[in-house]
Amino acid sequence: MDLQNANAAENTDAPAEERLARLIENLSSYIEFYHGGSVRLVSFDGKVAQVEFGGACEGCPLSLNTLHGWIAGTIHQFFPEVVIEEAPASPR
């Protein structure tokens, strides 16, 4: 993650949900570029953030590794208290 994106996540003037959403958007940009997938923030209650995968990541057998390894690991650098979960699948 570049310095500008890291600073956006650390901007303490913005509400935590806004900072978290920006960080996840930045992560999604990398996922889209390298894997053809995406991730987005679905909900945040101040403690638990639920995210949803899209594109090539949707249904991918490695998406839990991506979620718990790379996404959660990066988010915990800026928000150590936040729990990251995959959002329940929405009915289609």
PDB file of N, CA and C in Angstrom:
ATOM      1  N   MET A   1       0.844  -1.165   0.000  1.00  0.00           N
ATOM      2  CA  MET A   1       0.000   0.000   0.000  1.00  0.00           C
ATOM      3  C   MET A   1       0.894   1.234   0.000  1.00  0.00           C
ATOM      4  N   ASP A   2       0.554   2.202  -0.847  1.00  0.00           N
ATOM      5  CA  ASP A   2       1.397   3.381  -0.921  1.00  0.00           C
ATOM      6  C   ASP A   2       1.115   4.327   0.239  1.00  0.00           C
ATOM      7  N   LEU A   3       2.001   5.286   0.427  1.00  0.00           N
ATOM      8  CA  LEU A   3       1.920   6.206   1.554  1.00  0.00           C
ATOM      9  C   LEU A   3       0.649   7.025   1.536  1.00  0.00           C
ATOM     10  N   GLN A   4       0.203   7.478   0.363  1.00  0.00           N
ATOM     11  CA  GLN A   4      -1.015   8.282   0.277  1.00  0.00           C
ATOM     12  C   GLN A   4      -2.217   7.478   0.767  1.00  0.00           C
ATOM     13  N   ASN A   5      -2.340   6.225   0.357  1.00  0.00           N
ATOM     14  CA  ASN A   5      -3.450   5.388   0.788  1.00  0.00           C
ATOM     15  C   ASN A   5      -3.364   5.080   2.274  1.00  0.00           C
ATOM     16  N   ALA A   6      -2.176   4.860   2.779  1.00  0.00           N
ATOM     17  CA  ALA A   6      -2.008   4.608   4.206  1.00  0.00           C
ATOM     18  C   ALA A   6      -2.410   5.841   4.999  1.00  0.00           C
ATOM     19  N   ASN A   7      -2.042   7.021   4.533  1.00  0.00           N
ATOM     20  CA  ASN A   7      -2.431   8.249   5.225  1.00  0.00           C
ATOM     21  C   ASN A   7      -3.935   8.440   5.220  1.00  0.00           C
ATOM     22  N   ALA A   8      -4.609   8.061   4.138  1.00  0.00           N
ATOM     23  CA  ALA A   8      -6.061   8.177   4.079  1.00  0.00           C
ATOM     24  C   ALA A   8      -6.704   7.311   5.151  1.00  0.00           C
ATOM     25  N   ALA A   9      -6.167   6.120   5.375  1.00  0.00           N
ATOM     26  CA  ALA A   9      -6.720   5.222   6.381  1.00  0.00           C
ATOM     27  C   ALA A   9      -6.448   5.732   7.786  1.00  0.00           C
ATOM     28  N   GLU A  10      -5.363   6.483   7.955  1.00  0.00           N
ATOM     29  CA  GLU A  10      -4.992   6.981   9.276  1.00  0.00           C
ATOM     30  C   GLU A  10      -5.553   8.365   9.586  1.00  0.00           C
ATOM     31  N   ASN A  11      -6.247   9.003   8.641  1.00  0.00           N
ATOM     32  CA  ASN A  11      -6.807  10.334   8.861  1.00  0.00           C
ATOM     33  C   ASN A  11      -7.816  10.264   9.994  1.00  0.00           C
ATOM     34  N   THR A  12      -7.392  10.656  11.175  1.00  0.00           N
ATOM     35  CA  THR A  12      -8.236  10.501  12.359  1.00  0.00           C
ATOM     36  C   THR A  12      -9.362  11.513  12.422  1.00  0.00           C
ATOM     37  N   ASP A  13      -9.406  12.474  11.488  1.00  0.00           N
ATOM     38  CA  ASP A  13     -10.514  13.423  11.457  1.00  0.00           C
ATOM     39  C   ASP A  13     -11.781  12.776  10.903  1.00  0.00           C
ATOM     40  N   ALA A  14     -11.631  11.767  10.071  1.00  0.00           N
ATOM     41  CA  ALA A  14     -12.771  11.082   9.475  1.00  0.00           C
ATOM     42  C   ALA A  14     -13.292  10.019  10.440  1.00  0.00           C
ATOM     43  N   PRO A  15     -14.601   9.737  10.377  1.00  0.00           N
ATOM     44  CA  PRO A  15     -15.154   8.653  11.215  1.00  0.00           C
ATOM     45  C   PRO A  15     -14.490   7.317  10.883  1.00  0.00           C
ATOM     46  N   ALA A  16     -14.424   6.434  11.864  1.00  0.00           N
ATOM     47  CA  ALA A  16     -13.770   5.133  11.688  1.00  0.00           C
ATOM     48  C   ALA A  16     -14.363   4.352  10.524  1.00  0.00           C
ATOM     49  N   GLU A  17     -15.678   4.368  10.360  1.00  0.00           N
ATOM     50  CA  GLU A  17     -16.294   3.606   9.271  1.00  0.00           C
ATOM     51  C   GLU A  17     -15.849   4.136   7.912  1.00  0.00           C
ATOM     52  N   GLU A  18     -15.719   5.442   7.791  1.00  0.00           N
ATOM     53  CA  GLU A  18     -15.267   6.033   6.534  1.00  0.00           C
ATOM     54  C   GLU A  18     -13.812   5.665   6.251  1.00  0.00           C
ATOM     55  N   ARG A  19     -12.965   5.714   7.276  1.00  0.00           N
ATOM     56  CA  ARG A  19     -11.565   5.343   7.107  1.00  0.00           C
ATOM     57  C   ARG A  19     -11.434   3.873   6.743  1.00  0.00           C
ATOM     58  N   LEU A  20     -12.221   3.028   7.395  1.00  0.00           N
ATOM     59  CA  LEU A  20     -12.196   1.594   7.119  1.00  0.00           C
ATOM     60  C   LEU A  20     -12.667   1.317   5.689  1.00  0.00           C
ATOM     61  N   ALA A  21     -13.730   1.980   5.276  1.00  0.00           N
ATOM     62  CA  ALA A  21     -14.247   1.789   3.914  1.00  0.00           C
ATOM     63  C   ALA A  21     -13.205   2.190   2.877  1.00  0.00           C
ATOM     64  N   ARG A  22     -12.493   3.305   3.116  1.00  0.00           N
ATOM     65  CA  ARG A  22     -11.449   3.738   2.178  1.00  0.00           C
ATOM     66  C   ARG A  22     -10.311   2.727   2.110  1.00  0.00           C
ATOM     67  N   LEU A  23      -9.936   2.187   3.251  1.00  0.00           N
ATOM     68  CA  LEU A  23      -8.872   1.187   3.269  1.00  0.00           C
ATOM     69  C   LEU A  23      -9.299  -0.055   2.489  1.00  0.00           C
ATOM     70  N   ILE A  24     -10.525  -0.502   2.679  1.00  0.00           N
ATOM     71  CA  ILE A  24     -11.017  -1.684   1.969  1.00  0.00           C
ATOM     72  C   ILE A  24     -11.120  -1.401   0.470  1.00  0.00           C
ATOM     73  N   GLU A  25     -11.510  -0.186   0.093  1.00  0.00           N
ATOM     74  CA  GLU A  25     -11.533   0.188  -1.324  1.00  0.00           C
ATOM     75  C   GLU A  25     -10.136   0.092  -1.934  1.00  0.00           C
ATOM     76  N   ASN A  26      -9.144   0.526  -1.189  1.00  0.00           N
ATOM     77  CA  ASN A  26      -7.759   0.430  -1.673  1.00  0.00           C
ATOM     78  C   ASN A  26      -7.329  -1.025  -1.827  1.00  0.00           C
ATOM     79  N   LEU A  27      -7.691  -1.860  -0.854  1.00  0.00           N
ATOM     80  CA  LEU A  27      -7.384  -3.289  -0.960  1.00  0.00           C
ATOM     81  C   LEU A  27      -8.094  -3.888  -2.170  1.00  0.00           C
ATOM     82  N   SER A  28      -9.326  -3.471  -2.398  1.00  0.00           N
ATOM     83  CA  SER A  28     -10.091  -3.983  -3.527  1.00  0.00           C
ATOM     84  C   SER A  28      -9.425  -3.637  -4.853  1.00  0.00           C
ATOM     85  N   SER A  29      -8.821  -2.465  -4.934  1.00  0.00           N
ATOM     86  CA  SER A  29      -8.119  -2.071  -6.161  1.00  0.00           C
ATOM     87  C   SER A  29      -6.998  -3.050  -6.487  1.00  0.00           C
ATOM     88  N   TYR A  30      -6.246  -3.433  -5.470  1.00  0.00           N
ATOM     89  CA  TYR A  30      -5.176  -4.413  -5.675  1.00  0.00           C
ATOM     90  C   TYR A  30      -5.753  -5.764  -6.067  1.00  0.00           C
ATOM     91  N   ILE A  31      -6.798  -6.194  -5.396  1.00  0.00           N
ATOM     92  CA  ILE A  31      -7.410  -7.489  -5.698  1.00  0.00           C
ATOM     93  C   ILE A  31      -7.931  -7.495  -7.132  1.00  0.00           C
ATOM     94  N   GLU A  32      -8.566  -6.401  -7.531  1.00  0.00           N
ATOM     95  CA  GLU A  32      -9.092  -6.326  -8.896  1.00  0.00           C
ATOM     96  C   GLU A  32      -7.961  -6.381  -9.921  1.00  0.00           C
ATOM     97  N   PHE A  33      -6.903  -5.642  -9.680  1.00  0.00           N
ATOM     98  CA  PHE A  33      -5.796  -5.590 -10.626  1.00  0.00           C
ATOM     99  C   PHE A  33      -5.096  -6.938 -10.758  1.00  0.00           C
ATOM    100  N   TYR A  34      -4.815  -7.583  -9.634  1.00  0.00           N
ATOM    101  CA  TYR A  34      -4.024  -8.811  -9.667  1.00  0.00           C
ATOM    102  C   TYR A  34      -4.836 -10.093  -9.808  1.00  0.00           C
ATOM    103  N   HIS A  35      -6.108 -10.071  -9.411  1.00  0.00           N
ATOM    104  CA  HIS A  35      -6.879 -11.312  -9.388  1.00  0.00           C
ATOM    105  C   HIS A  35      -8.208 -11.234 -10.117  1.00  0.00           C
ATOM    106  N   GLY A  36      -8.616 -10.041 -10.527  1.00  0.00           N
ATOM    107  CA  GLY A  36      -9.899  -9.909 -11.210  1.00  0.00           C
ATOM    108  C   GLY A  36     -11.087  -9.986 -10.276  1.00  0.00           C
ATOM    109  N   GLY A  37     -10.837  -9.827  -8.989  1.00  0.00           N
ATOM    110  CA  GLY A  37     -11.919  -9.881  -8.006  1.00  0.00           C
ATOM    111  C   GLY A  37     -12.071  -8.544  -7.305  1.00  0.00           C
ATOM    112  N   SER A  38     -12.893  -8.536  -6.275  1.00  0.00           N
ATOM    113  CA  SER A  38     -13.101  -7.312  -5.507  1.00  0.00           C
ATOM    114  C   SER A  38     -13.543  -7.667  -4.093  1.00  0.00           C
ATOM    115  N   VAL A  39     -13.468  -6.675  -3.232  1.00  0.00           N
ATOM    116  CA  VAL A  39     -13.972  -6.808  -1.875  1.00  0.00           C
ATOM    117  C   VAL A  39     -14.591  -5.468  -1.501  1.00  0.00           C
ATOM    118  N   ARG A  40     -15.700  -5.503  -0.768  1.00  0.00           N
ATOM    119  CA  ARG A  40     -16.317  -4.250  -0.341  1.00  0.00           C
ATOM    120  C   ARG A  40     -16.864  -4.399   1.072  1.00  0.00           C
ATOM    121  N   LEU A  41     -16.898  -3.280   1.767  1.00  0.00           N
ATOM    122  CA  LEU A  41     -17.448  -3.244   3.118  1.00  0.00           C
ATOM    123  C   LEU A  41     -18.963  -3.269   3.026  1.00  0.00           C
ATOM    124  N   VAL A  42     -19.589  -4.235   3.697  1.00  0.00           N
ATOM    125  CA  VAL A  42     -21.045  -4.361   3.705  1.00  0.00           C
ATOM    126  C   VAL A  42     -21.619  -3.702   4.938  1.00  0.00           C
ATOM    127  N   SER A  43     -20.989  -3.958   6.095  1.00  0.00           N
ATOM    128  CA  SER A  43     -21.482  -3.361   7.339  1.00  0.00           C
ATOM    129  C   SER A  43     -20.338  -3.235   8.335  1.00  0.00           C
ATOM    130  N   PHE A  44     -20.511  -2.289   9.251  1.00  0.00           N
ATOM    131  CA  PHE A  44     -19.538  -2.084  10.322  1.00  0.00           C
ATOM    132  C   PHE A  44     -20.294  -1.546  11.522  1.00  0.00           C
ATOM    133  N   ASP A  45     -20.233  -2.284  12.630  1.00  0.00           N
ATOM    134  CA  ASP A  45     -20.960  -1.874  13.831  1.00  0.00           C
ATOM    135  C   ASP A  45     -20.051  -1.260  14.897  1.00  0.00           C
ATOM    136  N   GLY A  46     -18.852  -0.915  14.507  1.00  0.00           N
ATOM    137  CA  GLY A  46     -17.894  -0.354  15.444  1.00  0.00           C
ATOM    138  C   GLY A  46     -16.914  -1.389  15.968  1.00  0.00           C
ATOM    139  N   LYS A  47     -17.247  -2.655  15.837  1.00  0.00           N
ATOM    140  CA  LYS A  47     -16.384  -3.744  16.286  1.00  0.00           C
ATOM    141  C   LYS A  47     -16.156  -4.783  15.185  1.00  0.00           C
ATOM    142  N   VAL A  48     -17.239  -5.166  14.490  1.00  0.00           N
ATOM    143  CA  VAL A  48     -17.179  -6.199  13.457  1.00  0.00           C
ATOM    144  C   VAL A  48     -17.434  -5.561  12.091  1.00  0.00           C
ATOM    145  N   ALA A  49     -16.531  -5.839  11.165  1.00  0.00           N
ATOM    146  CA  ALA A  49     -16.691  -5.385   9.787  1.00  0.00           C
ATOM    147  C   ALA A  49     -16.998  -6.602   8.928  1.00  0.00           C
ATOM    148  N   GLN A  50     -18.089  -6.532   8.185  1.00  0.00           N
ATOM    149  CA  GLN A  50     -18.431  -7.606   7.267  1.00  0.00           C
ATOM    150  C   GLN A  50     -18.131  -7.138   5.854  1.00  0.00           C
ATOM    151  N   VAL A  51     -17.437  -7.999   5.112  1.00  0.00           N
ATOM    152  CA  VAL A  51     -17.068  -7.683   3.743  1.00  0.00           C
ATOM    153  C   VAL A  51     -17.653  -8.724   2.800  1.00  0.00           C
ATOM    154  N   GLU A  52     -17.767  -8.317   1.543  1.00  0.00           N
ATOM    155  CA  GLU A  52     -18.315  -9.196   0.516  1.00  0.00           C
ATOM    156  C   GLU A  52     -17.342  -9.247  -0.651  1.00  0.00           C
ATOM    157  N   PHE A  53     -17.116 -10.441  -1.162  1.00  0.00           N
ATOM    158  CA  PHE A  53     -16.258 -10.623  -2.319  1.00  0.00           C
ATOM    159  C   PHE A  53     -17.085 -10.553  -3.589  1.00  0.00           C
ATOM    160  N   GLY A  54     -16.453 -10.105  -4.656  1.00  0.00           N
ATOM    161  CA  GLY A  54     -17.094 -10.071  -5.965  1.00  0.00           C
ATOM    162  C   GLY A  54     -16.113 -10.504  -7.035  1.00  0.00           C
ATOM    163  N   GLY A  55     -16.591 -10.537  -8.258  1.00  0.00           N
ATOM    164  CA  GLY A  55     -15.736 -10.904  -9.383  1.00  0.00           C
ATOM    165  C   GLY A  55     -15.149 -12.286  -9.202  1.00  0.00           C
ATOM    166  N   ALA A  56     -13.883 -12.423  -9.557  1.00  0.00           N
ATOM    167  CA  ALA A  56     -13.207 -13.727  -9.498  1.00  0.00           C
ATOM    168  C   ALA A  56     -13.089 -14.259  -8.075  1.00  0.00           C
ATOM    169  N   CYS A  57     -13.189 -13.386  -7.075  1.00  0.00           N
ATOM    170  CA  CYS A  57     -13.070 -13.824  -5.677  1.00  0.00           C
ATOM    171  C   CYS A  57     -14.355 -14.463  -5.154  1.00  0.00           C
ATOM    172  N   GLU A  58     -15.476 -14.148  -5.778  1.00  0.00           N
ATOM    173  CA  GLU A  58     -16.759 -14.683  -5.330  1.00  0.00           C
ATOM    174  C   GLU A  58     -16.788 -16.188  -5.549  1.00  0.00           C
ATOM    175  N   GLY A  59     -16.882 -16.939  -4.473  1.00  0.00           N
ATOM    176  CA  GLY A  59     -16.910 -18.391  -4.552  1.00  0.00           C
ATOM    177  C   GLY A  59     -15.548 -19.046  -4.724  1.00  0.00           C
ATOM    178  N   CYS A  60     -14.485 -18.259  -4.757  1.00  0.00           N
ATOM    179  CA  CYS A  60     -13.142 -18.826  -4.917  1.00  0.00           C
ATOM    180  C   CYS A  60     -12.779 -19.626  -3.657  1.00  0.00           C
ATOM    181  N   PRO A  61     -12.220 -20.818  -3.805  1.00  0.00           N
ATOM    182  CA  PRO A  61     -11.858 -21.609  -2.628  1.00  0.00           C
ATOM    183  C   PRO A  61     -10.757 -20.970  -1.779  1.00  0.00           C
ATOM    184  N   LEU A  62     -10.029 -20.015  -2.327  1.00  0.00           N
ATOM    185  CA  LEU A  62      -8.970 -19.344  -1.567  1.00  0.00           C
ATOM    186  C   LEU A  62      -9.427 -18.020  -0.957  1.00  0.00           C
ATOM    187  N   SER A  63     -10.702 -17.667  -1.112  1.00  0.00           N
ATOM    188  CA  SER A  63     -11.166 -16.375  -0.614  1.00  0.00           C
ATOM    189  C   SER A  63     -11.041 -16.251   0.908  1.00  0.00           C
ATOM    190  N   LEU A  64     -11.203 -17.340   1.636  1.00  0.00           N
ATOM    191  CA  LEU A  64     -11.031 -17.261   3.098  1.00  0.00           C
ATOM    192  C   LEU A  64      -9.576 -16.991   3.462  1.00  0.00           C
ATOM    193  N   ASN A  65      -8.643 -17.537   2.691  1.00  0.00           N
ATOM    194  CA  ASN A  65      -7.232 -17.228   2.921  1.00  0.00           C
ATOM    195  C   ASN A  65      -6.974 -15.752   2.651  1.00  0.00           C
ATOM    196  N   THR A  66      -7.549 -15.241   1.580  1.00  0.00           N
ATOM    197  CA  THR A  66      -7.416 -13.819   1.258  1.00  0.00           C
ATOM    198  C   THR A  66      -8.014 -12.975   2.367  1.00  0.00           C
ATOM    199  N   LEU A  67      -9.190 -13.369   2.839  1.00  0.00           N
ATOM    200  CA  LEU A  67      -9.880 -12.618   3.888  1.00  0.00           C
ATOM    201  C   LEU A  67      -9.085 -12.600   5.181  1.00  0.00           C
ATOM    202  N   HIS A  68      -8.730 -13.772   5.676  1.00  0.00           N
ATOM    203  CA  HIS A  68      -8.096 -13.848   6.996  1.00  0.00           C
ATOM    204  C   HIS A  68      -6.609 -13.517   6.967  1.00  0.00           C
ATOM    205  N   GLY A  69      -5.975 -13.771   5.859  1.00  0.00           N
ATOM    206  CA  GLY A  69      -4.552 -13.485   5.761  1.00  0.00           C
ATOM    207  C   GLY A  69      -4.279 -12.059   5.357  1.00  0.00           C
ATOM    208  N   TRP A  70      -4.573 -11.742   4.129  1.00  0.00           N
ATOM    209  CA  TRP A  70      -4.156 -10.465   3.577  1.00  0.00           C
ATOM    210  C   TRP A  70      -5.079  -9.307   3.981  1.00  0.00           C
ATOM    211  N   ILE A  71      -6.385  -9.452   3.814  1.00  0.00           N
ATOM    212  CA  ILE A  71      -7.303  -8.351   4.117  1.00  0.00           C
ATOM    213  C   ILE A  71      -7.312  -8.057   5.613  1.00  0.00           C
ATOM    214  N   ALA A  72      -7.579  -9.062   6.431  1.00  0.00           N
ATOM    215  CA  ALA A  72      -7.620  -8.841   7.883  1.00  0.00           C
ATOM    216  C   ALA A  72      -6.269  -8.372   8.405  1.00  0.00           C
ATOM    217  N   GLY A  73      -5.185  -8.956   7.888  1.00  0.00           N
ATOM    218  CA  GLY A  73      -3.852  -8.550   8.331  1.00  0.00           C
ATOM    219  C   GLY A  73      -3.576  -7.086   8.063  1.00  0.00           C
ATOM    220  N   THR A  74      -3.964  -6.618   6.893  1.00  0.00           N
ATOM    221  CA  THR A  74      -3.767  -5.206   6.555  1.00  0.00           C
ATOM    222  C   THR A  74      -4.662  -4.318   7.401  1.00  0.00           C
ATOM    223  N   ILE A  75      -5.914  -4.687   7.538  1.00  0.00           N
ATOM    224  CA  ILE A  75      -6.847  -3.875   8.330  1.00  0.00           C
ATOM    225  C   ILE A  75      -6.388  -3.783   9.777  1.00  0.00           C
ATOM    226  N   HIS A  76      -5.883  -4.879  10.330  1.00  0.00           N
ATOM    227  CA  HIS A  76      -5.442  -4.866  11.730  1.00  0.00           C
ATOM    228  C   HIS A  76      -4.245  -3.950  11.975  1.00  0.00           C
ATOM    229  N   GLN A  77      -3.505  -3.618  10.931  1.00  0.00           N
ATOM    230  CA  GLN A  77      -2.419  -2.653  11.084  1.00  0.00           C
ATOM    231  C   GLN A  77      -2.967  -1.269  11.448  1.00  0.00           C
ATOM    232  N   PHE A  78      -4.156  -0.945  10.956  1.00  0.00           N
ATOM    233  CA  PHE A  78      -4.765   0.361  11.187  1.00  0.00           C
ATOM    234  C   PHE A  78      -5.899   0.314  12.210  1.00  0.00           C
ATOM    235  N   PHE A  79      -6.572  -0.828  12.304  1.00  0.00           N
ATOM    236  CA  PHE A  79      -7.716  -1.010  13.195  1.00  0.00           C
ATOM    237  C   PHE A  79      -7.546  -2.327  13.957  1.00  0.00           C
ATOM    238  N   PRO A  80      -6.634  -2.386  14.929  1.00  0.00           N
ATOM    239  CA  PRO A  80      -6.333  -3.660  15.589  1.00  0.00           C
ATOM    240  C   PRO A  80      -7.514  -4.273  16.340  1.00  0.00           C
ATOM    241  N   GLU A  81      -8.486  -3.472  16.708  1.00  0.00           N
ATOM    242  CA  GLU A  81      -9.617  -3.974  17.490  1.00  0.00           C
ATOM    243  C   GLU A  81     -10.754  -4.516  16.634  1.00  0.00           C
ATOM    244  N   VAL A  82     -10.719  -4.309  15.321  1.00  0.00           N
ATOM    245  CA  VAL A  82     -11.822  -4.686  14.445  1.00  0.00           C
ATOM    246  C   VAL A  82     -11.718  -6.155  14.048  1.00  0.00           C
ATOM    247  N   VAL A  83     -12.842  -6.854  14.116  1.00  0.00           N
ATOM    248  CA  VAL A  83     -12.964  -8.241  13.675  1.00  0.00           C
ATOM    249  C   VAL A  83     -13.473  -8.213  12.239  1.00  0.00           C
ATOM    250  N   ILE A  84     -12.837  -8.969  11.353  1.00  0.00           N
ATOM    251  CA  ILE A  84     -13.212  -9.001   9.945  1.00  0.00           C
ATOM    252  C   ILE A  84     -13.906 -10.330   9.650  1.00  0.00           C
ATOM    253  N   GLU A  85     -15.093 -10.248   9.039  1.00  0.00           N
ATOM    254  CA  GLU A  85     -15.861 -11.433   8.686  1.00  0.00           C
ATOM    255  C   GLU A  85     -16.353 -11.309   7.262  1.00  0.00           C
ATOM    256  N   GLU A  86     -16.591 -12.453   6.629  1.00  0.00           N
ATOM    257  CA  GLU A  86     -17.256 -12.431   5.337  1.00  0.00           C
ATOM    258  C   GLU A  86     -18.760 -12.293   5.583  1.00  0.00           C
ATOM    259  N   ALA A  87     -19.401 -11.397   4.866  1.00  0.00           N
ATOM    260  CA  ALA A  87     -20.838 -11.182   5.015  1.00  0.00           C
ATOM    261  C   ALA A  87     -21.584 -12.430   4.539  1.00  0.00           C
ATOM    262  N   PRO A  88     -22.721 -12.729   5.158  1.00  0.00           N
ATOM    263  CA  PRO A  88     -23.517 -13.861   4.683  1.00  0.00           C
ATOM    264  C   PRO A  88     -23.911 -13.620   3.227  1.00  0.00           C
ATOM    265  N   ALA A  89     -23.955 -14.674   2.452  1.00  0.00           N
ATOM    266  CA  ALA A  89     -24.332 -14.562   1.044  1.00  0.00           C
ATOM    267  C   ALA A  89     -25.762 -14.052   0.930  1.00  0.00           C
ATOM    268  N   SER A  90     -25.940 -13.098   0.047  1.00  0.00           N
ATOM    269  CA  SER A  90     -27.300 -12.564  -0.155  1.00  0.00           C
ATOM    270  C   SER A  90     -28.046 -13.497  -1.112  1.00  0.00           C
ATOM    271  N   PRO A  91     -29.332 -13.691  -0.868  1.00  0.00           N
ATOM    272  CA  PRO A  91     -30.103 -14.566  -1.753  1.00  0.00           C
ATOM    273  C   PRO A  91     -30.200 -13.962  -3.153  1.00  0.00           C
ATOM    274  N   ARG A  92     -30.122 -14.822  -4.147  1.00  0.00           N
ATOM    275  CA  ARG A  92     -30.185 -14.332  -5.545  1.00  0.00           C
ATOM    276  C   ARG A  92     -31.456 -14.718  -6.197  1.00  0.00           C
TER     277      ARG A  92
END
